[in-house]
């Protein structure tokens, strides 16, 4: 049995412990899958993995880091699983009082 390592990420004076699916509402996963499909240009797979957009949900690198993500560096990228990506995106939309985007297609409408 593999051990699950939970990284501690420091953002400003706050600490986030990034864990697995237990910290998110599983009923939201299908909604976030729609976002992933739009951001990954209809292929999905929870990956975008560019330097500027290090997740599959379209957050910029600055927002990804600012809301608790750790994308690593260009030479050594860190590939977060979908549950970690959702946790970070949930912090982002909660902060900006937004709904989960891309629920009505990939036009950018909420």
Protein backbone atom coordinates (compact mmCIF):
# COMPACT_ATOMS: atom_id res chain seq x y z
CA UNK A 1 0.00 0.00 0.00
CA UNK A 2 1.42 3.35 -1.03
CA UNK A 3 1.59 6.21 1.43
CA UNK A 4 -0.22 9.37 0.43
CA UNK A 5 2.05 12.36 0.94
CA UNK A 6 0.21 15.60 1.62
CA UNK A 7 2.29 18.63 0.70
CA UNK A 8 1.99 21.73 2.85
CA UNK A 9 1.87 24.85 0.71
CA UNK A 10 2.56 28.30 2.18
CA UNK A 11 0.75 31.25 0.62
CA UNK A 12 1.30 34.62 2.33
CA UNK A 13 0.68 33.88 5.99
CA UNK A 14 -1.77 31.04 5.37
CA UNK A 15 -1.03 27.34 5.13
CA UNK A 16 -3.01 24.98 2.93
CA UNK A 17 -2.84 21.25 3.28
CA UNK A 18 -3.64 19.82 -0.12
CA UNK A 19 -5.27 16.43 0.21
CA UNK A 20 -7.34 14.09 -1.92
CA UNK A 21 -11.02 13.83 -2.76
CA UNK A 22 -12.12 13.74 0.87
CA UNK A 23 -11.80 17.54 1.03
CA UNK A 24 -14.08 18.23 -1.95
CA UNK A 25 -17.73 17.58 -2.63
CA UNK A 26 -17.69 14.65 -5.05
CA UNK A 27 -20.96 15.82 -6.63
CA UNK A 28 -19.02 18.78 -8.07
CA UNK A 29 -16.58 16.60 -10.03
CA UNK A 30 -18.82 16.35 -13.15
CA UNK A 31 -19.13 20.15 -13.22
CA UNK A 32 -15.36 20.54 -13.01
CA UNK A 33 -14.93 17.90 -15.73
CA UNK A 34 -16.82 20.24 -18.07
CA UNK A 35 -14.29 22.97 -17.29
CA UNK A 36 -11.41 20.55 -17.88
CA UNK A 37 -12.81 19.55 -21.27
CA UNK A 38 -13.17 23.19 -22.34
CA UNK A 39 -9.74 24.20 -21.11
CA UNK A 40 -8.03 21.14 -22.62
CA UNK A 41 -9.63 21.87 -26.02
CA UNK A 42 -12.19 19.05 -25.87
CA UNK A 43 -9.75 16.32 -24.93
CA UNK A 44 -9.96 16.60 -21.13
CA UNK A 45 -7.53 14.53 -19.14
CA UNK A 46 -6.89 17.10 -16.39
CA UNK A 47 -3.81 18.46 -18.03
CA UNK A 48 -2.85 21.67 -19.69
CA UNK A 49 0.64 21.69 -18.32
CA UNK A 50 2.01 24.78 -19.91
CA UNK A 51 4.18 27.09 -17.86
CA UNK A 52 1.57 29.87 -17.75
CA UNK A 53 -1.44 27.54 -17.22
CA UNK A 54 -0.16 24.70 -15.04
CA UNK A 55 -3.49 22.95 -14.40
CA UNK A 56 -6.34 21.50 -16.44
CA UNK A 57 -8.85 24.10 -15.26
CA UNK A 58 -7.40 27.21 -16.89
CA UNK A 59 -6.03 29.06 -13.87
CA UNK A 60 -3.01 31.20 -14.60
CA UNK A 61 0.24 30.30 -12.89
CA UNK A 62 -0.08 33.34 -10.58
CA UNK A 63 -3.60 32.35 -9.50
CA UNK A 64 -2.65 28.69 -9.20
CA UNK A 65 0.16 29.59 -6.80
CA UNK A 66 -1.84 32.31 -5.05
CA UNK A 67 -4.63 29.91 -4.14
CA UNK A 68 -2.40 27.13 -2.87
CA UNK A 69 -1.00 25.32 -5.89
CA UNK A 70 2.59 24.30 -6.47
CA UNK A 71 3.28 23.94 -10.19
CA UNK A 72 7.01 23.51 -9.73
CA UNK A 73 9.40 24.97 -12.27
CA UNK A 74 9.77 24.74 -16.03
CA UNK A 75 12.51 22.15 -15.59
CA UNK A 76 10.67 20.20 -12.88
CA UNK A 77 6.90 20.63 -13.19
CA UNK A 78 4.63 19.14 -10.55
CA UNK A 79 1.55 17.40 -11.96
CA UNK A 80 -1.32 17.77 -9.50
CA UNK A 81 -4.15 15.26 -9.60
CA UNK A 82 -7.68 16.39 -10.40
CA UNK A 83 -8.75 16.62 -6.75
CA UNK A 84 -5.93 19.04 -5.94
CA UNK A 85 -6.76 21.08 -9.04
CA UNK A 86 -10.42 21.26 -7.99
CA UNK A 87 -9.49 22.34 -4.45
CA UNK A 88 -7.40 25.19 -5.81
CA UNK A 89 -10.08 26.25 -8.29
CA UNK A 90 -12.74 26.13 -5.54
CA UNK A 91 -10.67 28.56 -3.47
CA UNK A 92 -10.39 30.83 -6.51
CA UNK A 93 -14.13 30.92 -7.28
CA UNK A 94 -15.03 31.30 -3.59
CA UNK A 95 -12.71 34.28 -3.27
CA UNK A 96 -14.20 35.98 -6.34
CA UNK A 97 -17.80 34.87 -5.56
CA UNK A 98 -18.09 33.05 -8.88
CA UNK A 99 -19.91 29.97 -10.07
CA UNK A 100 -18.14 27.06 -11.72
CA UNK A 101 -17.60 28.20 -15.35
CA UNK A 102 -18.18 26.36 -18.65
CA UNK A 103 -21.40 24.67 -17.58
CA UNK A 104 -23.21 25.66 -20.81
CA UNK A 105 -20.49 24.97 -23.32
CA UNK A 106 -17.03 26.38 -23.86
CA UNK A 107 -18.02 29.92 -24.75
CA UNK A 108 -16.81 31.39 -21.46
CA UNK A 109 -20.35 31.93 -20.19
CA UNK A 110 -21.21 31.17 -16.61
